[in-house]
Amino acid sequence: RGHTLDVQLPSGPVWLEADATRLSQVFSNLLN
């Protein structure tokens, strides 16, 4: 689509108790 994407992440590790596959689906849906 010709967009630019800027990703800003915390410098230190941030741990979650989560389903990695489903959570990745959430963020990819938001980006799409």
Full PDB file with SEQRES, HELIX, SHEET, SSBOND, CRYST1, ORIGX, SCALE, CONECT and MASTER records, all heavy atoms in Angstrom:
SEQRES   1 A   32  ARG GLY HIS THR LEU ASP VAL GLN LEU PRO SER GLY PRO          
SEQRES   2 A   32  VAL TRP LEU GLU ALA ASP ALA THR ARG LEU SER GLN VAL          
SEQRES   3 A   32  PHE SER ASN LEU LEU ASN                                      
HELIX    1 AA1 ALA A   20  LEU A   31  1                                  12    
CRYST1    1.000    1.000    1.000  90.00  90.00  90.00 P 1           1          
ORIGX1      1.000000  0.000000  0.000000        0.00000                         
ORIGX2      0.000000  1.000000  0.000000        0.00000                         
ORIGX3      0.000000  0.000000  1.000000        0.00000                         
SCALE1      1.000000  0.000000  0.000000        0.00000                         
SCALE2      0.000000  1.000000  0.000000        0.00000                         
SCALE3      0.000000  0.000000  1.000000        0.00000                         
ATOM      1  N   ARG A   1       0.816  -1.215   0.000  1.00  0.00           N  
ATOM      2  CA  ARG A   1       0.000   0.000   0.000  1.00  0.00           C  
ATOM      3  C   ARG A   1       0.851   1.268   0.000  1.00  0.00           C  
ATOM      4  O   ARG A   1       0.319   2.381  -0.028  1.00  0.00           O  
ATOM      5  CB  ARG A   1      -0.901   0.006   1.246  1.00  0.00           C  
ATOM      6  CG  ARG A   1      -1.883  -1.155   1.293  1.00  0.00           C  
ATOM      7  CD  ARG A   1      -3.092  -0.887   0.468  1.00  0.00           C  
ATOM      8  NE  ARG A   1      -3.881   0.220   0.983  1.00  0.00           N  
ATOM      9  CZ  ARG A   1      -4.890   0.782   0.351  1.00  0.00           C  
ATOM     10  NH1 ARG A   1      -5.220   0.372  -0.852  1.00  0.00           N  
ATOM     11  NH2 ARG A   1      -5.559   1.773   0.905  1.00  0.00           N  
ATOM     12  N   GLY A   2       2.180   1.125   0.058  1.00  0.00           N  
ATOM     13  CA  GLY A   2       3.065   2.292   0.006  1.00  0.00           C  
ATOM     14  C   GLY A   2       3.164   3.039   1.318  1.00  0.00           C  
ATOM     15  O   GLY A   2       3.539   4.215   1.331  1.00  0.00           O  
ATOM     16  N   HIS A   3       2.837   2.406   2.451  1.00  0.00           N  
ATOM     17  CA  HIS A   3       2.883   3.070   3.749  1.00  0.00           C  
ATOM     18  C   HIS A   3       4.275   2.936   4.379  1.00  0.00           C  
ATOM     19  O   HIS A   3       5.069   2.059   4.008  1.00  0.00           O  
ATOM     20  CB  HIS A   3       1.855   2.468   4.714  1.00  0.00           C  
ATOM     21  CG  HIS A   3       0.450   2.523   4.204  1.00  0.00           C  
ATOM     22  ND1 HIS A   3      -0.070   3.632   3.563  1.00  0.00           N  
ATOM     23  CD2 HIS A   3      -0.563   1.604   4.247  1.00  0.00           C  
ATOM     24  CE1 HIS A   3      -1.332   3.399   3.243  1.00  0.00           C  
ATOM     25  NE2 HIS A   3      -1.656   2.166   3.633  1.00  0.00           N  
ATOM     26  N   THR A   4       4.528   3.809   5.358  1.00  0.00           N  
ATOM     27  CA  THR A   4       5.714   3.672   6.209  1.00  0.00           C  
ATOM     28  C   THR A   4       5.253   3.176   7.571  1.00  0.00           C  
ATOM     29  O   THR A   4       4.191   3.564   8.067  1.00  0.00           O  
ATOM     30  CB  THR A   4       6.443   5.008   6.359  1.00  0.00           C  
ATOM     31  OG1 THR A   4       5.562   5.969   6.955  1.00  0.00           O  
ATOM     32  CG2 THR A   4       6.922   5.521   5.001  1.00  0.00           C  
ATOM     33  N   LEU A   5       6.060   2.322   8.186  1.00  0.00           N  
ATOM     34  CA  LEU A   5       5.717   1.750   9.486  1.00  0.00           C  
ATOM     35  C   LEU A   5       6.832   2.048  10.477  1.00  0.00           C  
ATOM     36  O   LEU A   5       7.993   1.712  10.236  1.00  0.00           O  
ATOM     37  CB  LEU A   5       5.506   0.236   9.368  1.00  0.00           C  
ATOM     38  CG  LEU A   5       5.251  -0.507  10.684  1.00  0.00           C  
ATOM     39  CD1 LEU A   5       3.987   0.008  11.352  1.00  0.00           C  
ATOM     40  CD2 LEU A   5       5.168  -2.009  10.447  1.00  0.00           C  
ATOM     41  N   ASP A   6       6.470   2.678  11.589  1.00  0.00           N  
ATOM     42  CA  ASP A   6       7.425   3.002  12.654  1.00  0.00           C  
ATOM     43  C   ASP A   6       7.041   2.183  13.888  1.00  0.00           C  
ATOM     44  O   ASP A   6       5.916   2.303  14.398  1.00  0.00           O  
ATOM     45  CB  ASP A   6       7.379   4.500  12.958  1.00  0.00           C  
ATOM     46  CG  ASP A   6       8.355   4.876  14.063  1.00  0.00           C  
ATOM     47  OD1 ASP A   6       9.341   4.148  14.265  1.00  0.00           O  
ATOM     48  OD2 ASP A   6       8.116   5.900  14.748  1.00  0.00           O  
ATOM     49  N   VAL A   7       7.966   1.341  14.360  1.00  0.00           N  
ATOM     50  CA  VAL A   7       7.706   0.472  15.506  1.00  0.00           C  
ATOM     51  C   VAL A   7       8.594   0.913  16.666  1.00  0.00           C  
ATOM     52  O   VAL A   7       9.825   0.988  16.517  1.00  0.00           O  
ATOM     53  CB  VAL A   7       7.955  -1.009  15.163  1.00  0.00           C  
ATOM     54  CG1 VAL A   7       7.679  -1.892  16.378  1.00  0.00           C  
ATOM     55  CG2 VAL A   7       7.092  -1.434  13.984  1.00  0.00           C  
ATOM     56  N   GLN A   8       8.003   1.208  17.802  1.00  0.00           N  
ATOM     57  CA  GLN A   8       8.731   1.628  19.005  1.00  0.00           C  
ATOM     58  C   GLN A   8       8.408   0.643  20.125  1.00  0.00           C  
ATOM     59  O   GLN A   8       7.255   0.514  20.538  1.00  0.00           O  
ATOM     60  CB  GLN A   8       8.329   3.052  19.409  1.00  0.00           C  
ATOM     61  CG  GLN A   8       8.628   4.107  18.335  1.00  0.00           C  
ATOM     62  CD  GLN A   8       8.196   5.498  18.743  1.00  0.00           C  
ATOM     63  OE1 GLN A   8       7.838   5.732  19.898  1.00  0.00           O  
ATOM     64  NE2 GLN A   8       8.234   6.428  17.788  1.00  0.00           N  
ATOM     65  N   LEU A   9       9.444  -0.064  20.615  1.00  0.00           N  
ATOM     66  CA  LEU A   9       9.283  -1.086  21.631  1.00  0.00           C  
ATOM     67  C   LEU A   9      10.063  -0.725  22.887  1.00  0.00           C  
ATOM     68  O   LEU A   9      11.075  -0.003  22.814  1.00  0.00           O  
ATOM     69  CB  LEU A   9       9.755  -2.445  21.102  1.00  0.00           C  
ATOM     70  CG  LEU A   9       9.065  -2.960  19.833  1.00  0.00           C  
ATOM     71  CD1 LEU A   9       9.681  -4.271  19.393  1.00  0.00           C  
ATOM     72  CD2 LEU A   9       7.571  -3.135  20.067  1.00  0.00           C  
ATOM     73  N   PRO A  10       9.650  -1.211  24.051  1.00  0.00           N  
ATOM     74  CA  PRO A  10      10.423  -0.972  25.276  1.00  0.00           C  
ATOM     75  C   PRO A  10      11.823  -1.564  25.166  1.00  0.00           C  
ATOM     76  O   PRO A  10      12.031  -2.592  24.502  1.00  0.00           O  
ATOM     77  CB  PRO A  10       9.585  -1.678  26.347  1.00  0.00           C  
ATOM     78  CG  PRO A  10       8.222  -1.809  25.768  1.00  0.00           C  
ATOM     79  CD  PRO A  10       8.409  -1.953  24.294  1.00  0.00           C  
ATOM     80  N   SER A  11      12.768  -0.922  25.820  1.00  0.00           N  
ATOM     81  CA  SER A  11      14.153  -1.409  25.761  1.00  0.00           C  
ATOM     82  C   SER A  11      14.322  -2.709  26.523  1.00  0.00           C  
ATOM     83  O   SER A  11      15.114  -3.578  26.134  1.00  0.00           O  
ATOM     84  CB  SER A  11      15.103  -0.340  26.324  1.00  0.00           C  
ATOM     85  OG  SER A  11      14.716  -0.003  27.660  1.00  0.00           O  
ATOM     86  N   GLY A  12      13.611  -2.881  27.632  1.00  0.00           N  
ATOM     87  CA  GLY A  12      13.717  -4.100  28.416  1.00  0.00           C  
ATOM     88  C   GLY A  12      12.614  -5.081  28.071  1.00  0.00           C  
ATOM     89  O   GLY A  12      11.570  -4.704  27.528  1.00  0.00           O  
ATOM     90  N   PRO A  13      12.807  -6.371  28.403  1.00  0.00           N  
ATOM     91  CA  PRO A  13      11.781  -7.376  28.091  1.00  0.00           C  
ATOM     92  C   PRO A  13      10.503  -7.135  28.884  1.00  0.00           C  
ATOM     93  O   PRO A  13      10.537  -6.793  30.066  1.00  0.00           O  
ATOM     94  CB  PRO A  13      12.450  -8.706  28.471  1.00  0.00           C  
ATOM     95  CG  PRO A  13      13.488  -8.333  29.469  1.00  0.00           C  
ATOM     96  CD  PRO A  13      13.985  -6.968  29.080  1.00  0.00           C  
ATOM     97  N   VAL A  14       9.355  -7.318  28.200  1.00  0.00           N  
ATOM     98  CA  VAL A  14       8.047  -7.195  28.836  1.00  0.00           C  
ATOM     99  C   VAL A  14       7.363  -8.553  28.705  1.00  0.00           C  
ATOM    100  O   VAL A  14       7.058  -9.001  27.599  1.00  0.00           O  
ATOM    101  CB  VAL A  14       7.195  -6.097  28.156  1.00  0.00           C  
ATOM    102  CG1 VAL A  14       5.812  -6.039  28.790  1.00  0.00           C  
ATOM    103  CG2 VAL A  14       7.892  -4.750  28.239  1.00  0.00           C  
ATOM    104  N   TRP A  15       7.142  -9.207  29.848  1.00  0.00           N  
ATOM    105  CA  TRP A  15       6.613 -10.575  29.838  1.00  0.00           C  
ATOM    106  C   TRP A  15       5.108 -10.574  30.084  1.00  0.00           C  
ATOM    107  O   TRP A  15       4.593  -9.857  30.930  1.00  0.00           O  
ATOM    108  CB  TRP A  15       7.309 -11.420  30.896  1.00  0.00           C  
ATOM    109  CG  TRP A  15       8.735 -11.695  30.548  1.00  0.00           C  
ATOM    110  CD1 TRP A  15       9.838 -11.011  30.942  1.00  0.00           C  
ATOM    111  CD2 TRP A  15       9.196 -12.734  29.699  1.00  0.00           C  
ATOM    112  NE1 TRP A  15      10.974 -11.544  30.389  1.00  0.00           N  
ATOM    113  CE2 TRP A  15      10.611 -12.620  29.617  1.00  0.00           C  
ATOM    114  CE3 TRP A  15       8.569 -13.768  28.992  1.00  0.00           C  
ATOM    115  CZ2 TRP A  15      11.392 -13.478  28.883  1.00  0.00           C  
ATOM    116  CZ3 TRP A  15       9.356 -14.635  28.250  1.00  0.00           C  
ATOM    117  CH2 TRP A  15      10.743 -14.486  28.191  1.00  0.00           C  
ATOM    118  N   LEU A  16       4.424 -11.420  29.307  1.00  0.00           N  
ATOM    119  CA  LEU A  16       2.978 -11.595  29.425  1.00  0.00           C  
ATOM    120  C   LEU A  16       2.666 -13.076  29.602  1.00  0.00           C  
ATOM    121  O   LEU A  16       3.450 -13.941  29.185  1.00  0.00           O  
ATOM    122  CB  LEU A  16       2.246 -11.081  28.178  1.00  0.00           C  
ATOM    123  CG  LEU A  16       2.532  -9.658  27.706  1.00  0.00           C  
ATOM    124  CD1 LEU A  16       1.834  -9.414  26.383  1.00  0.00           C  
ATOM    125  CD2 LEU A  16       2.084  -8.641  28.743  1.00  0.00           C  
ATOM    126  N   GLU A  17       1.527 -13.350  30.211  1.00  0.00           N  
ATOM    127  CA  GLU A  17       0.997 -14.716  30.246  1.00  0.00           C  
ATOM    128  C   GLU A  17      -0.071 -14.773  29.165  1.00  0.00           C  
ATOM    129  O   GLU A  17      -1.233 -14.378  29.384  1.00  0.00           O  
ATOM    130  CB  GLU A  17       0.405 -15.028  31.630  1.00  0.00           C  
ATOM    131  CG  GLU A  17       0.100 -16.507  31.845  1.00  0.00           C  
ATOM    132  CD  GLU A  17       1.366 -17.331  32.097  1.00  0.00           C  
ATOM    133  OE1 GLU A  17       2.413 -16.718  32.383  1.00  0.00           O  
ATOM    134  OE2 GLU A  17       1.303 -18.563  31.987  1.00  0.00           O  
ATOM    135  N   ALA A  18       0.305 -15.227  27.969  1.00  0.00           N  
ATOM    136  CA  ALA A  18      -0.600 -15.062  26.826  1.00  0.00           C  
ATOM    137  C   ALA A  18      -0.379 -16.159  25.807  1.00  0.00           C  
ATOM    138  O   ALA A  18       0.600 -16.914  25.861  1.00  0.00           O  
ATOM    139  CB  ALA A  18      -0.383 -13.695  26.174  1.00  0.00           C  
ATOM    140  N   ASP A  19      -1.332 -16.237  24.853  1.00  0.00           N  
ATOM    141  CA  ASP A  19      -1.239 -17.111  23.692  1.00  0.00           C  
ATOM    142  C   ASP A  19      -0.520 -16.321  22.597  1.00  0.00           C  
ATOM    143  O   ASP A  19      -1.086 -15.398  22.011  1.00  0.00           O  
ATOM    144  CB  ASP A  19      -2.638 -17.524  23.236  1.00  0.00           C  
ATOM    145  CG  ASP A  19      -2.618 -18.545  22.106  1.00  0.00           C  
ATOM    146  OD1 ASP A  19      -1.699 -18.499  21.265  1.00  0.00           O  
ATOM    147  OD2 ASP A  19      -3.522 -19.385  22.060  1.00  0.00           O  
ATOM    148  N   ALA A  20       0.744 -16.668  22.313  1.00  0.00           N  
ATOM    149  CA  ALA A  20       1.552 -15.871  21.385  1.00  0.00           C  
ATOM    150  C   ALA A  20       0.927 -15.818  20.000  1.00  0.00           C  
ATOM    151  O   ALA A  20       0.926 -14.768  19.346  1.00  0.00           O  
ATOM    152  CB  ALA A  20       2.968 -16.440  21.309  1.00  0.00           C  
ATOM    153  N   THR A  21       0.381 -16.942  19.516  1.00  0.00           N  
ATOM    154  CA  THR A  21      -0.193 -16.969  18.165  1.00  0.00           C  
ATOM    155  C   THR A  21      -1.418 -16.065  18.063  1.00  0.00           C  
ATOM    156  O   THR A  21      -1.542 -15.255  17.138  1.00  0.00           O  
ATOM    157  CB  THR A  21      -0.572 -18.405  17.787  1.00  0.00           C  
ATOM    158  OG1 THR A  21       0.602 -19.226  17.840  1.00  0.00           O  
ATOM    159  CG2 THR A  21      -1.165 -18.452  16.385  1.00  0.00           C  
ATOM    160  N   ARG A  22      -2.336 -16.175  19.031  1.00  0.00           N  
ATOM    161  CA  ARG A  22      -3.551 -15.367  18.982  1.00  0.00           C  
ATOM    162  C   ARG A  22      -3.241 -13.886  19.212  1.00  0.00           C  
ATOM    163  O   ARG A  22      -3.845 -13.017  18.586  1.00  0.00           O  
ATOM    164  CB  ARG A  22      -4.540 -15.865  20.052  1.00  0.00           C  
ATOM    165  CG  ARG A  22      -5.233 -17.176  19.682  1.00  0.00           C  
ATOM    166  CD  ARG A  22      -6.038 -17.022  18.425  1.00  0.00           C  
ATOM    167  NE  ARG A  22      -6.933 -18.151  18.202  1.00  0.00           N  
ATOM    168  CZ  ARG A  22      -7.778 -18.247  17.195  1.00  0.00           C  
ATOM    169  NH1 ARG A  22      -7.832 -17.276  16.296  1.00  0.00           N  
ATOM    170  NH2 ARG A  22      -8.563 -19.287  17.050  1.00  0.00           N  
ATOM    171  N   LEU A  23      -2.289 -13.584  20.091  1.00  0.00           N  
ATOM    172  CA  LEU A  23      -1.944 -12.189  20.343  1.00  0.00           C  
ATOM    173  C   LEU A  23      -1.279 -11.571  19.118  1.00  0.00           C  
ATOM    174  O   LEU A  23      -1.504 -10.412  18.778  1.00  0.00           O  
ATOM    175  CB  LEU A  23      -1.028 -12.091  21.565  1.00  0.00           C  
ATOM    176  CG  LEU A  23      -1.135 -10.799  22.388  1.00  0.00           C  
ATOM    177  CD1 LEU A  23      -2.566 -10.529  22.789  1.00  0.00           C  
ATOM    178  CD2 LEU A  23      -0.233 -10.894  23.612  1.00  0.00           C  
ATOM    179  N   SER A  24      -0.446 -12.367  18.435  1.00  0.00           N  
ATOM    180  CA  SER A  24       0.147 -11.883  17.182  1.00  0.00           C  
ATOM    181  C   SER A  24      -0.942 -11.631  16.145  1.00  0.00           C  
ATOM    182  O   SER A  24      -0.859 -10.671  15.358  1.00  0.00           O  
ATOM    183  CB  SER A  24       1.151 -12.911  16.656  1.00  0.00           C  
ATOM    184  OG  SER A  24       1.673 -12.509  15.415  1.00  0.00           O  
ATOM    185  N   GLN A  25      -1.999 -12.472  16.148  1.00  0.00           N  
ATOM    186  CA  GLN A  25      -3.128 -12.258  15.231  1.00  0.00           C  
ATOM    187  C   GLN A  25      -3.829 -10.936  15.519  1.00  0.00           C  
ATOM    188  O   GLN A  25      -4.242 -10.220  14.605  1.00  0.00           O  
ATOM    189  CB  GLN A  25      -4.110 -13.424  15.371  1.00  0.00           C  
ATOM    190  CG  GLN A  25      -5.290 -13.363  14.427  1.00  0.00           C  
ATOM    191  CD  GLN A  25      -6.229 -14.550  14.609  1.00  0.00           C  
ATOM    192  OE1 GLN A  25      -6.011 -15.405  15.454  1.00  0.00           O  
ATOM    193  NE2 GLN A  25      -7.281 -14.594  13.814  1.00  0.00           N  
ATOM    194  N   VAL A  26      -3.945 -10.578  16.811  1.00  0.00           N  
ATOM    195  CA  VAL A  26      -4.589  -9.311  17.186  1.00  0.00           C  
ATOM    196  C   VAL A  26      -3.823  -8.131  16.599  1.00  0.00           C  
ATOM    197  O   VAL A  26      -4.391  -7.255  15.929  1.00  0.00           O  
ATOM    198  CB  VAL A  26      -4.665  -9.185  18.727  1.00  0.00           C  
ATOM    199  CG1 VAL A  26      -5.087  -7.763  19.116  1.00  0.00           C  
ATOM    200  CG2 VAL A  26      -5.639 -10.197  19.292  1.00  0.00           C  
ATOM    201  N   PHE A  27      -2.506  -8.093  16.847  1.00  0.00           N  
ATOM    202  CA  PHE A  27      -1.726  -6.939  16.399  1.00  0.00           C  
ATOM    203  C   PHE A  27      -1.608  -6.897  14.876  1.00  0.00           C  
ATOM    204  O   PHE A  27      -1.604  -5.813  14.279  1.00  0.00           O  
ATOM    205  CB  PHE A  27      -0.339  -6.979  17.053  1.00  0.00           C  
ATOM    206  CG  PHE A  27      -0.388  -6.856  18.559  1.00  0.00           C  
ATOM    207  CD1 PHE A  27       0.419  -7.643  19.372  1.00  0.00           C  
ATOM    208  CD2 PHE A  27      -1.260  -5.968  19.163  1.00  0.00           C  
ATOM    209  CE1 PHE A  27       0.360  -7.542  20.751  1.00  0.00           C  
ATOM    210  CE2 PHE A  27      -1.328  -5.854  20.546  1.00  0.00           C  
ATOM    211  CZ  PHE A  27      -0.523  -6.641  21.342  1.00  0.00           C  
ATOM    212  N   SER A  28      -1.498  -8.058  14.221  1.00  0.00           N  
ATOM    213  CA  SER A  28      -1.444  -8.049  12.747  1.00  0.00           C  
ATOM    214  C   SER A  28      -2.782  -7.575  12.169  1.00  0.00           C  
ATOM    215  O   SER A  28      -2.813  -6.875  11.151  1.00  0.00           O  
ATOM    216  CB  SER A  28      -1.085  -9.441  12.218  1.00  0.00           C  
ATOM    217  OG  SER A  28      -2.080 -10.386  12.536  1.00  0.00           O  
ATOM    218  N   ASN A  29      -3.911  -7.943  12.813  1.00  0.00           N  
ATOM    219  CA  ASN A  29      -5.223  -7.448  12.359  1.00  0.00           C  
ATOM    220  C   ASN A  29      -5.298  -5.928  12.477  1.00  0.00           C  
ATOM    221  O   ASN A  29      -5.810  -5.238  11.583  1.00  0.00           O  
ATOM    222  CB  ASN A  29      -6.341  -8.077  13.182  1.00  0.00           C  
ATOM    223  CG  ASN A  29      -6.721  -9.457  12.684  1.00  0.00           C  
ATOM    224  OD1 ASN A  29      -6.218  -9.910  11.657  1.00  0.00           O  
ATOM    225  ND2 ASN A  29      -7.586 -10.140  13.397  1.00  0.00           N  
ATOM    226  N   LEU A  30      -4.785  -5.380  13.610  1.00  0.00           N  
ATOM    227  CA  LEU A  30      -4.812  -3.932  13.789  1.00  0.00           C  
ATOM    228  C   LEU A  30      -3.940  -3.238  12.745  1.00  0.00           C  
ATOM    229  O   LEU A  30      -4.312  -2.191  12.208  1.00  0.00           O  
ATOM    230  CB  LEU A  30      -4.347  -3.579  15.201  1.00  0.00           C  
ATOM    231  CG  LEU A  30      -5.261  -4.033  16.353  1.00  0.00           C  
ATOM    232  CD1 LEU A  30      -4.654  -3.663  17.693  1.00  0.00           C  
ATOM    233  CD2 LEU A  30      -6.655  -3.440  16.221  1.00  0.00           C  
ATOM    234  N   LEU A  31      -2.765  -3.810  12.454  1.00  0.00           N  
ATOM    235  CA  LEU A  31      -1.881  -3.209  11.444  1.00  0.00           C  
ATOM    236  C   LEU A  31      -2.507  -3.294  10.055  1.00  0.00           C  
ATOM    237  O   LEU A  31      -2.455  -2.330   9.271  1.00  0.00           O  
ATOM    238  CB  LEU A  31      -0.518  -3.905  11.466  1.00  0.00           C  
ATOM    239  CG  LEU A  31       0.359  -3.625  12.695  1.00  0.00           C  
ATOM    240  CD1 LEU A  31       1.577  -4.530  12.694  1.00  0.00           C  
ATOM    241  CD2 LEU A  31       0.798  -2.161  12.720  1.00  0.00           C  
ATOM    242  N   ASN A  32      -3.078  -4.444   9.717  1.00  0.00           N  
ATOM    243  CA  ASN A  32      -3.733  -4.585   8.412  1.00  0.00           C  
ATOM    244  C   ASN A  32      -4.914  -3.626   8.289  1.00  0.00           C  
ATOM    245  O   ASN A  32      -5.166  -3.066   7.222  1.00  0.00           O  
ATOM    246  CB  ASN A  32      -4.210  -6.025   8.220  1.00  0.00           C  
ATOM    247  CG  ASN A  32      -3.090  -6.963   7.842  1.00  0.00           C  
ATOM    248  OD1 ASN A  32      -2.120  -6.554   7.218  1.00  0.00           O  
ATOM    249  ND2 ASN A  32      -3.206  -8.211   8.237  1.00  0.00           N  
TER     250      ASN A  32                                                      
MASTER        0    0    0    1    0    0    0    6  249    1    0    3          
END                                                                             
